[in-house]
Amino acid sequence: DYEKKTNYTFNSATWAEYVNRADRPAVFGSPELVRYAESKGVE
């Protein structure tokens, strides 16, 4: 969403604002992969 709305142009101020909203969606499958690793005794 950030990349699209900034036309793929990074700006430190807008990026910080975006990150601080804390509402990015997950990369598909990533939460499951983290939990899977933990379930196998992996730190």
All heavy atoms as atom14 arrays in JSON, in Angstrom:
{
  "sequence": "DYEKKTNYTFNSATWAEYVNRADRPAVFGSPELVRYAESKGVE",
  "atom14_mask": [
    [1, 1, 1, 1, 1, 1, 1, 1, 0, 0, 0, 0, 0, 0],
    [1, 1, 1, 1, 1, 1, 1, 1, 1, 1, 1, 1, 0, 0],
    [1, 1, 1, 1, 1, 1, 1, 1, 1, 0, 0, 0, 0, 0],
    [1, 1, 1, 1, 1, 1, 1, 1, 1, 0, 0, 0, 0, 0],
    [1, 1, 1, 1, 1, 1, 1, 1, 1, 0, 0, 0, 0, 0],
    [1, 1, 1, 1, 1, 1, 1, 0, 0, 0, 0, 0, 0, 0],
    [1, 1, 1, 1, 1, 1, 1, 1, 0, 0, 0, 0, 0, 0],
    [1, 1, 1, 1, 1, 1, 1, 1, 1, 1, 1, 1, 0, 0],
    [1, 1, 1, 1, 1, 1, 1, 0, 0, 0, 0, 0, 0, 0],
    [1, 1, 1, 1, 1, 1, 1, 1, 1, 1, 1, 0, 0, 0],
    [1, 1, 1, 1, 1, 1, 1, 1, 0, 0, 0, 0, 0, 0],
    [1, 1, 1, 1, 1, 1, 0, 0, 0, 0, 0, 0, 0, 0],
    [1, 1, 1, 1, 1, 0, 0, 0, 0, 0, 0, 0, 0, 0],
    [1, 1, 1, 1, 1, 1, 1, 0, 0, 0, 0, 0, 0, 0],
    [1, 1, 1, 1, 1, 1, 1, 1, 1, 1, 1, 1, 1, 1],
    [1, 1, 1, 1, 1, 0, 0, 0, 0, 0, 0, 0, 0, 0],
    [1, 1, 1, 1, 1, 1, 1, 1, 1, 0, 0, 0, 0, 0],
    [1, 1, 1, 1, 1, 1, 1, 1, 1, 1, 1, 1, 0, 0],
    [1, 1, 1, 1, 1, 1, 1, 0, 0, 0, 0, 0, 0, 0],
    [1, 1, 1, 1, 1, 1, 1, 1, 0, 0, 0, 0, 0, 0],
    [1, 1, 1, 1, 1, 1, 1, 1, 1, 1, 1, 0, 0, 0],
    [1, 1, 1, 1, 1, 0, 0, 0, 0, 0, 0, 0, 0, 0],
    [1, 1, 1, 1, 1, 1, 1, 1, 0, 0, 0, 0, 0, 0],
    [1, 1, 1, 1, 1, 1, 1, 1, 1, 1, 1, 0, 0, 0],
    [1, 1, 1, 1, 1, 1, 1, 0, 0, 0, 0, 0, 0, 0],
    [1, 1, 1, 1, 1, 0, 0, 0, 0, 0, 0, 0, 0, 0],
    [1, 1, 1, 1, 1, 1, 1, 0, 0, 0, 0, 0, 0, 0],
    [1, 1, 1, 1, 1, 1, 1, 1, 1, 1, 1, 0, 0, 0],
    [1, 1, 1, 1, 0, 0, 0, 0, 0, 0, 0, 0, 0, 0],
    [1, 1, 1, 1, 1, 1, 0, 0, 0, 0, 0, 0, 0, 0],
    [1, 1, 1, 1, 1, 1, 1, 0, 0, 0, 0, 0, 0, 0],
    [1, 1, 1, 1, 1, 1, 1, 1, 1, 0, 0, 0, 0, 0],
    [1, 1, 1, 1, 1, 1, 1, 1, 0, 0, 0, 0, 0, 0],
    [1, 1, 1, 1, 1, 1, 1, 0, 0, 0, 0, 0, 0, 0],
    [1, 1, 1, 1, 1, 1, 1, 1, 1, 1, 1, 0, 0, 0],
    [1, 1, 1, 1, 1, 1, 1, 1, 1, 1, 1, 1, 0, 0],
    [1, 1, 1, 1, 1, 0, 0, 0, 0, 0, 0, 0, 0, 0],
    [1, 1, 1, 1, 1, 1, 1, 1, 1, 0, 0, 0, 0, 0],
    [1, 1, 1, 1, 1, 1, 0, 0, 0, 0, 0, 0, 0, 0],
    [1, 1, 1, 1, 1, 1, 1, 1, 1, 0, 0, 0, 0, 0],
    [1, 1, 1, 1, 0, 0, 0, 0, 0, 0, 0, 0, 0, 0],
    [1, 1, 1, 1, 1, 1, 1, 0, 0, 0, 0, 0, 0, 0],
    [1, 1, 1, 1, 1, 1, 1, 1, 1, 0, 0, 0, 0, 0]
  ],
  "atom14_positions": [
    [[0.83, -1.21, 0.0], [0.0, 0.0, 0.0], [0.87, 1.25, 0.0], [0.57, 2.22, -0.72], [-0.93, -0.01, 1.21], [-1.9, 1.16, 1.2], [-2.68, 1.28, 0.23], [-1.88, 1.96, 2.16], [0.0, 0.0, 0.0], [0.0, 0.0, 0.0], [0.0, 0.0, 0.0], [0.0, 0.0, 0.0], [0.0, 0.0, 0.0], [0.0, 0.0, 0.0]],
    [[1.92, 1.25, 0.79], [2.84, 2.4, 0.81], [3.5, 2.58, -0.55], [3.59, 3.69, -1.07], [3.91, 2.2, 1.89], [4.96, 3.29, 1.9], [4.7, 4.5, 2.55], [6.18, 3.14, 1.24], [5.65, 5.52, 2.56], [7.13, 4.15, 1.24], [6.86, 5.34, 1.89], [7.8, 6.35, 1.88], [0.0, 0.0, 0.0], [0.0, 0.0, 0.0]],
    [[3.97, 1.5, -1.14], [4.66, 1.58, -2.43], [3.74, 2.16, -3.51], [4.14, 3.02, -4.29], [5.16, 0.2, -2.85], [6.1, -0.46, -1.86], [7.38, 0.31, -1.63], [7.74, 1.13, -2.5], [8.02, 0.1, -0.6], [0.0, 0.0, 0.0], [0.0, 0.0, 0.0], [0.0, 0.0, 0.0], [0.0, 0.0, 0.0], [0.0, 0.0, 0.0]],
    [[2.51, 1.68, -3.53], [1.56, 2.15, -4.54], [1.25, 3.64, -4.35], [1.24, 4.41, -5.31], [0.26, 1.34, -4.46], [0.38, -0.07, -5.0], [0.41, -0.1, -6.52], [-0.92, 0.33, -7.12], [-0.88, 0.32, -8.6], [0.0, 0.0, 0.0], [0.0, 0.0, 0.0], [0.0, 0.0, 0.0], [0.0, 0.0, 0.0], [0.0, 0.0, 0.0]],
    [[0.99, 4.04, -3.11], [0.55, 5.41, -2.86], [1.68, 6.42, -2.96], [1.42, 7.62, -3.11], [-0.15, 5.48, -1.5], [-1.51, 4.78, -1.52], [-2.19, 4.81, -0.17], [-3.57, 4.14, -0.25], [-4.23, 4.03, 1.06], [0.0, 0.0, 0.0], [0.0, 0.0, 0.0], [0.0, 0.0, 0.0], [0.0, 0.0, 0.0], [0.0, 0.0, 0.0]],
    [[2.91, 5.97, -2.89], [4.06, 6.87, -3.07], [4.7, 6.7, -4.44], [5.76, 7.27, -4.69], [5.12, 6.62, -1.99], [5.6, 5.27, -2.1], [4.55, 6.86, -0.6], [0.0, 0.0, 0.0], [0.0, 0.0, 0.0], [0.0, 0.0, 0.0], [0.0, 0.0, 0.0], [0.0, 0.0, 0.0], [0.0, 0.0, 0.0], [0.0, 0.0, 0.0]],
    [[4.04, 5.92, -5.31], [4.57, 5.65, -6.64], [5.99, 5.09, -6.55], [6.88, 5.45, -7.31], [4.55, 6.92, -7.51], [4.69, 6.61, -8.98], [4.3, 5.53, -9.44], [5.24, 7.55, -9.74], [0.0, 0.0, 0.0], [0.0, 0.0, 0.0], [0.0, 0.0, 0.0], [0.0, 0.0, 0.0], [0.0, 0.0, 0.0], [0.0, 0.0, 0.0]],
    [[6.18, 4.18, -5.6], [7.45, 3.45, -5.42], [8.62, 4.39, -5.15], [9.75, 4.12, -5.54], [7.73, 2.56, -6.64], [6.57, 1.68, -7.0], [5.7, 2.02, -8.04], [6.29, 0.53, -6.28], [4.6, 1.23, -8.35], [5.2, -0.27, -6.59], [4.37, 0.08, -7.61], [3.27, -0.7, -7.92], [0.0, 0.0, 0.0], [0.0, 0.0, 0.0]],
    [[8.34, 5.48, -4.46], [9.38, 6.47, -4.14], [9.47, 6.62, -2.63], [8.51, 7.02, -1.97], [9.06, 7.83, -4.77], [8.94, 7.68, -6.19], [10.15, 8.83, -4.46], [0.0, 0.0, 0.0], [0.0, 0.0, 0.0], [0.0, 0.0, 0.0], [0.0, 0.0, 0.0], [0.0, 0.0, 0.0], [0.0, 0.0, 0.0], [0.0, 0.0, 0.0]],
    [[10.64, 6.31, -2.08], [10.81, 6.33, -0.63], [11.04, 7.74, -0.11], [11.78, 8.53, -0.69], [12.01, 5.45, -0.24], [12.32, 5.49, 1.22], [11.46, 4.91, 2.14], [13.47, 6.11, 1.68], [11.74, 4.94, 3.5], [13.77, 6.15, 3.04], [12.9, 5.56, 3.94], [0.0, 0.0, 0.0], [0.0, 0.0, 0.0], [0.0, 0.0, 0.0]],
    [[10.39, 8.02, 1.01], [10.6, 9.26, 1.74], [10.61, 8.9, 3.23], [9.68, 8.24, 3.72], [9.47, 10.26, 1.44], [9.54, 11.51, 2.29], [9.09, 11.51, 3.43], [10.12, 12.56, 1.73], [0.0, 0.0, 0.0], [0.0, 0.0, 0.0], [0.0, 0.0, 0.0], [0.0, 0.0, 0.0], [0.0, 0.0, 0.0], [0.0, 0.0, 0.0]],
    [[11.64, 9.28, 3.95], [11.81, 8.83, 5.33], [10.66, 9.27, 6.23], [10.23, 8.52, 7.12], [13.14, 9.31, 5.89], [13.23, 10.72, 5.84], [0.0, 0.0, 0.0], [0.0, 0.0, 0.0], [0.0, 0.0, 0.0], [0.0, 0.0, 0.0], [0.0, 0.0, 0.0], [0.0, 0.0, 0.0], [0.0, 0.0, 0.0], [0.0, 0.0, 0.0]],
    [[10.13, 10.47, 6.0], [9.04, 10.97, 6.84], [7.74, 10.2, 6.6], [7.07, 9.79, 7.56], [8.83, 12.46, 6.6], [0.0, 0.0, 0.0], [0.0, 0.0, 0.0], [0.0, 0.0, 0.0], [0.0, 0.0, 0.0], [0.0, 0.0, 0.0], [0.0, 0.0, 0.0], [0.0, 0.0, 0.0], [0.0, 0.0, 0.0], [0.0, 0.0, 0.0]],
    [[7.38, 10.01, 5.32], [6.14, 9.28, 5.04], [6.28, 7.81, 5.42], [5.3, 7.18, 5.85], [5.75, 9.41, 3.56], [6.79, 8.88, 2.72], [5.48, 10.85, 3.2], [0.0, 0.0, 0.0], [0.0, 0.0, 0.0], [0.0, 0.0, 0.0], [0.0, 0.0, 0.0], [0.0, 0.0, 0.0], [0.0, 0.0, 0.0], [0.0, 0.0, 0.0]],
    [[7.47, 7.26, 5.27], [7.69, 5.86, 5.66], [7.53, 5.69, 7.18], [6.87, 4.76, 7.64], [9.07, 5.39, 5.22], [9.44, 4.04, 5.77], [10.4, 3.77, 6.7], [8.85, 2.78, 5.44], [10.45, 2.43, 6.96], [9.5, 1.8, 6.22], [7.83, 2.4, 4.57], [9.18, 0.45, 6.14], [7.49, 1.04, 4.5], [8.16, 0.09, 5.27]],
    [[8.11, 6.61, 7.95], [7.99, 6.53, 9.4], [6.53, 6.64, 9.83], [6.07, 5.9, 10.71], [8.82, 7.63, 10.05], [0.0, 0.0, 0.0], [0.0, 0.0, 0.0], [0.0, 0.0, 0.0], [0.0, 0.0, 0.0], [0.0, 0.0, 0.0], [0.0, 0.0, 0.0], [0.0, 0.0, 0.0], [0.0, 0.0, 0.0], [0.0, 0.0, 0.0]],
    [[5.79, 7.54, 9.2], [4.37, 7.69, 9.51], [3.61, 6.4, 9.19], [2.75, 5.96, 9.97], [3.78, 8.86, 8.72], [2.3, 9.1, 8.96], [1.74, 10.22, 8.08], [2.51, 10.79, 7.29], [0.53, 10.48, 8.19], [0.0, 0.0, 0.0], [0.0, 0.0, 0.0], [0.0, 0.0, 0.0], [0.0, 0.0, 0.0], [0.0, 0.0, 0.0]],
    [[3.93, 5.8, 8.06], [3.28, 4.56, 7.64], [3.56, 3.43, 8.63], [2.65, 2.72, 9.07], [3.77, 4.2, 6.24], [3.23, 2.91, 5.69], [1.89, 2.77, 5.34], [4.08, 1.82, 5.49], [1.41, 1.58, 4.81], [3.6, 0.63, 4.96], [2.27, 0.51, 4.63], [1.8, -0.66, 4.11], [0.0, 0.0, 0.0], [0.0, 0.0, 0.0]],
    [[4.82, 3.25, 8.99], [5.19, 2.2, 9.94], [4.51, 2.42, 11.28], [4.0, 1.47, 11.89], [6.73, 2.15, 10.11], [7.13, 1.24, 11.28], [7.39, 1.67, 8.82], [0.0, 0.0, 0.0], [0.0, 0.0, 0.0], [0.0, 0.0, 0.0], [0.0, 0.0, 0.0], [0.0, 0.0, 0.0], [0.0, 0.0, 0.0], [0.0, 0.0, 0.0]],
    [[4.46, 3.64, 11.74], [3.91, 3.94, 13.06], [2.4, 3.76, 13.14], [1.85, 3.67, 14.24], [4.31, 5.35, 13.49], [5.78, 5.46, 13.86], [6.39, 4.47, 14.27], [6.35, 6.64, 13.7], [0.0, 0.0, 0.0], [0.0, 0.0, 0.0], [0.0, 0.0, 0.0], [0.0, 0.0, 0.0], [0.0, 0.0, 0.0], [0.0, 0.0, 0.0]],
    [[1.73, 3.67, 11.99], [0.29, 3.35, 12.02], [0.07, 1.9, 12.43], [-1.03, 1.55, 12.89], [-0.34, 3.6, 10.64], [-0.41, 5.06, 10.25], [-1.56, 5.31, 9.28], [-1.48, 4.51, 8.08], [-0.93, 4.91, 6.94], [-0.39, 6.12, 6.85], [-0.91, 4.13, 5.88], [0.0, 0.0, 0.0], [0.0, 0.0, 0.0], [0.0, 0.0, 0.0]],
    [[1.06, 1.06, 12.24], [1.03, -0.34, 12.7], [-0.17, -1.1, 12.18], [-0.81, -1.88, 12.9], [1.06, -0.38, 14.24], [0.0, 0.0, 0.0], [0.0, 0.0, 0.0], [0.0, 0.0, 0.0], [0.0, 0.0, 0.0], [0.0, 0.0, 0.0], [0.0, 0.0, 0.0], [0.0, 0.0, 0.0], [0.0, 0.0, 0.0], [0.0, 0.0, 0.0]],
    [[-0.49, -0.9, 10.89], [-1.65, -1.6, 10.34], [-1.34, -2.29, 9.0], [-2.23, -2.52, 8.2], [-2.83, -0.65, 10.18], [-2.54, 0.52, 9.24], [-1.42, 0.59, 8.7], [-3.44, 1.36, 9.04], [0.0, 0.0, 0.0], [0.0, 0.0, 0.0], [0.0, 0.0, 0.0], [0.0, 0.0, 0.0], [0.0, 0.0, 0.0], [0.0, 0.0, 0.0]],
    [[-0.08, -2.63, 8.78], [0.26, -3.37, 7.57], [-0.27, -4.8, 7.63], [-0.26, -5.42, 8.71], [1.78, -3.4, 7.37], [2.35, -2.11, 6.86], [3.84, -2.23, 6.6], [4.64, -2.16, 7.82], [5.95, -2.35, 7.86], [6.6, -2.7, 6.75], [6.62, -2.24, 9.0], [0.0, 0.0, 0.0], [0.0, 0.0, 0.0], [0.0, 0.0, 0.0]],
    [[-0.71, -5.35, 6.52], [-1.13, -6.75, 6.52], [0.08, -7.67, 6.53], [1.21, -7.25, 6.24], [-1.9, -6.89, 5.21], [-1.26, -5.88, 4.3], [-0.89, -4.72, 5.2], [0.0, 0.0, 0.0], [0.0, 0.0, 0.0], [0.0, 0.0, 0.0], [0.0, 0.0, 0.0], [0.0, 0.0, 0.0], [0.0, 0.0, 0.0], [0.0, 0.0, 0.0]],
    [[-0.15, -8.92, 6.85], [0.93, -9.9, 6.84], [1.31, -10.27, 5.41], [0.47, -10.28, 4.51], [0.5, -11.16, 7.59], [0.0, 0.0, 0.0], [0.0, 0.0, 0.0], [0.0, 0.0, 0.0], [0.0, 0.0, 0.0], [0.0, 0.0, 0.0], [0.0, 0.0, 0.0], [0.0, 0.0, 0.0], [0.0, 0.0, 0.0], [0.0, 0.0, 0.0]],
    [[2.57, -10.58, 5.22], [2.97, -11.28, 4.01], [2.35, -12.67, 4.09], [2.42, -13.34, 5.14], [4.51, -11.38, 3.93], [4.95, -12.32, 2.82], [5.12, -9.99, 3.73], [0.0, 0.0, 0.0], [0.0, 0.0, 0.0], [0.0, 0.0, 0.0], [0.0, 0.0, 0.0], [0.0, 0.0, 0.0], [0.0, 0.0, 0.0], [0.0, 0.0, 0.0]],
    [[1.7, -13.1, 3.02], [0.97, -14.37, 3.05], [1.84, -15.51, 3.61], [2.96, -15.73, 3.16], [0.5, -14.76, 1.64], [-0.5, -13.82, 1.04], [-0.3, -13.3, -0.23], [-1.65, -13.46, 1.72], [-1.22, -12.45, -0.8], [-2.57, -12.6, 1.16], [-2.36, -12.09, -0.11], [0.0, 0.0, 0.0], [0.0, 0.0, 0.0], [0.0, 0.0, 0.0]],
    [[1.28, -16.2, 4.62], [1.94, -17.38, 5.16], [2.98, -17.1, 6.23], [3.43, -18.04, 6.91], [0.0, 0.0, 0.0], [0.0, 0.0, 0.0], [0.0, 0.0, 0.0], [0.0, 0.0, 0.0], [0.0, 0.0, 0.0], [0.0, 0.0, 0.0], [0.0, 0.0, 0.0], [0.0, 0.0, 0.0], [0.0, 0.0, 0.0], [0.0, 0.0, 0.0]],
    [[3.36, -15.83, 6.42], [4.46, -15.56, 7.35], [4.12, -15.83, 8.82], [4.95, -16.4, 9.54], [4.97, -14.13, 7.16], [3.97, -13.17, 7.46], [0.0, 0.0, 0.0], [0.0, 0.0, 0.0], [0.0, 0.0, 0.0], [0.0, 0.0, 0.0], [0.0, 0.0, 0.0], [0.0, 0.0, 0.0], [0.0, 0.0, 0.0], [0.0, 0.0, 0.0]],
    [[2.94, -15.43, 9.32], [2.65, -15.75, 10.72], [2.66, -17.26, 10.98], [3.16, -17.73, 12.0], [1.25, -15.16, 10.93], [1.12, -14.09, 9.9], [1.86, -14.63, 8.7], [0.0, 0.0, 0.0], [0.0, 0.0, 0.0], [0.0, 0.0, 0.0], [0.0, 0.0, 0.0], [0.0, 0.0, 0.0], [0.0, 0.0, 0.0], [0.0, 0.0, 0.0]],
    [[2.12, -18.01, 10.01], [2.09, -19.47, 10.16], [3.49, -20.05, 10.18], [3.78, -20.99, 10.93], [1.26, -20.08, 9.03], [-0.22, -19.73, 9.05], [-0.54, -18.37, 8.45], [0.39, -17.69, 7.96], [-1.73, -17.99, 8.46], [0.0, 0.0, 0.0], [0.0, 0.0, 0.0], [0.0, 0.0, 0.0], [0.0, 0.0, 0.0], [0.0, 0.0, 0.0]],
    [[4.38, -19.5, 9.36], [5.75, -20.01, 9.3], [6.5, -19.73, 10.6], [7.24, -20.59, 11.1], [6.49, -19.39, 8.12], [7.88, -19.95, 7.8], [7.82, -21.45, 7.54], [8.47, -19.22, 6.61], [0.0, 0.0, 0.0], [0.0, 0.0, 0.0], [0.0, 0.0, 0.0], [0.0, 0.0, 0.0], [0.0, 0.0, 0.0], [0.0, 0.0, 0.0]],
    [[6.3, -18.54, 11.17], [6.92, -18.22, 12.45], [6.43, -19.19, 13.53], [7.23, -19.75, 14.3], [6.62, -16.76, 12.85], [7.05, -16.5, 14.3], [7.32, -15.79, 11.91], [0.0, 0.0, 0.0], [0.0, 0.0, 0.0], [0.0, 0.0, 0.0], [0.0, 0.0, 0.0], [0.0, 0.0, 0.0], [0.0, 0.0, 0.0], [0.0, 0.0, 0.0]],
    [[5.12, -19.39, 13.59], [4.58, -20.29, 14.62], [5.01, -21.73, 14.38], [5.24, -22.48, 15.34], [3.05, -20.18, 14.63], [2.54, -18.8, 15.09], [1.06, -18.83, 15.44], [0.23, -19.17, 14.29], [-0.33, -18.27, 13.48], [-0.14, -16.98, 13.69], [-1.09, -18.65, 12.47], [0.0, 0.0, 0.0], [0.0, 0.0, 0.0], [0.0, 0.0, 0.0]],
    [[5.15, -22.1, 13.12], [5.6, -23.46, 12.81], [7.01, -23.69, 13.34], [7.3, -24.72, 13.95], [5.56, -23.7, 11.3], [5.98, -25.09, 10.9], [5.07, -26.15, 10.93], [7.29, -25.37, 10.51], [5.45, -27.43, 10.58], [7.68, -26.64, 10.16], [6.76, -27.67, 10.2], [7.15, -28.94, 9.86], [0.0, 0.0, 0.0], [0.0, 0.0, 0.0]],
    [[7.9, -22.73, 13.09], [9.27, -22.87, 13.58], [9.29, -23.01, 15.1], [9.99, -23.88, 15.65], [10.1, -21.66, 13.15], [0.0, 0.0, 0.0], [0.0, 0.0, 0.0], [0.0, 0.0, 0.0], [0.0, 0.0, 0.0], [0.0, 0.0, 0.0], [0.0, 0.0, 0.0], [0.0, 0.0, 0.0], [0.0, 0.0, 0.0], [0.0, 0.0, 0.0]],
    [[8.5, -22.19, 15.79], [8.46, -22.29, 17.25], [7.96, -23.66, 17.69], [8.48, -24.25, 18.65], [7.56, -21.2, 17.81], [7.52, -21.2, 19.34], [6.41, -20.32, 19.91], [5.34, -20.25, 19.3], [6.62, -19.73, 20.98], [0.0, 0.0, 0.0], [0.0, 0.0, 0.0], [0.0, 0.0, 0.0], [0.0, 0.0, 0.0], [0.0, 0.0, 0.0]],
    [[6.97, -24.19, 16.98], [6.39, -25.49, 17.36], [7.38, -26.63, 17.22], [7.21, -27.69, 17.84], [5.15, -25.78, 16.51], [5.5, -26.17, 15.18], [0.0, 0.0, 0.0], [0.0, 0.0, 0.0], [0.0, 0.0, 0.0], [0.0, 0.0, 0.0], [0.0, 0.0, 0.0], [0.0, 0.0, 0.0], [0.0, 0.0, 0.0], [0.0, 0.0, 0.0]],
    [[8.43, -26.42, 16.42], [9.46, -27.45, 16.22], [10.65, -27.26, 17.16], [11.69, -27.91, 16.99], [9.93, -27.42, 14.77], [8.84, -27.79, 13.76], [8.32, -29.2, 13.99], [7.21, -29.57, 13.03], [6.73, -30.96, 13.23], [0.0, 0.0, 0.0], [0.0, 0.0, 0.0], [0.0, 0.0, 0.0], [0.0, 0.0, 0.0], [0.0, 0.0, 0.0]],
    [[10.49, -26.41, 18.16], [11.56, -26.19, 19.12], [12.65, -25.28, 18.63], [13.78, -25.3, 19.15], [0.0, 0.0, 0.0], [0.0, 0.0, 0.0], [0.0, 0.0, 0.0], [0.0, 0.0, 0.0], [0.0, 0.0, 0.0], [0.0, 0.0, 0.0], [0.0, 0.0, 0.0], [0.0, 0.0, 0.0], [0.0, 0.0, 0.0], [0.0, 0.0, 0.0]],
    [[12.33, -24.43, 17.65], [13.3, -23.52, 17.06], [13.1, -22.12, 17.65], [11.97, -21.63, 17.71], [13.14, -23.48, 15.53], [14.12, -22.5, 14.91], [13.34, -24.88, 14.94], [0.0, 0.0, 0.0], [0.0, 0.0, 0.0], [0.0, 0.0, 0.0], [0.0, 0.0, 0.0], [0.0, 0.0, 0.0], [0.0, 0.0, 0.0], [0.0, 0.0, 0.0]],
    [[14.19, -21.49, 18.05], [14.13, -20.13, 18.58], [13.96, -19.14, 17.43], [14.69, -19.22, 16.43], [15.4, -19.81, 19.37], [15.27, -18.65, 20.31], [14.57, -19.01, 21.61], [14.17, -20.19, 21.79], [14.41, -18.11, 22.45], [0.0, 0.0, 0.0], [0.0, 0.0, 0.0], [0.0, 0.0, 0.0], [0.0, 0.0, 0.0], [0.0, 0.0, 0.0]]
  ]
}
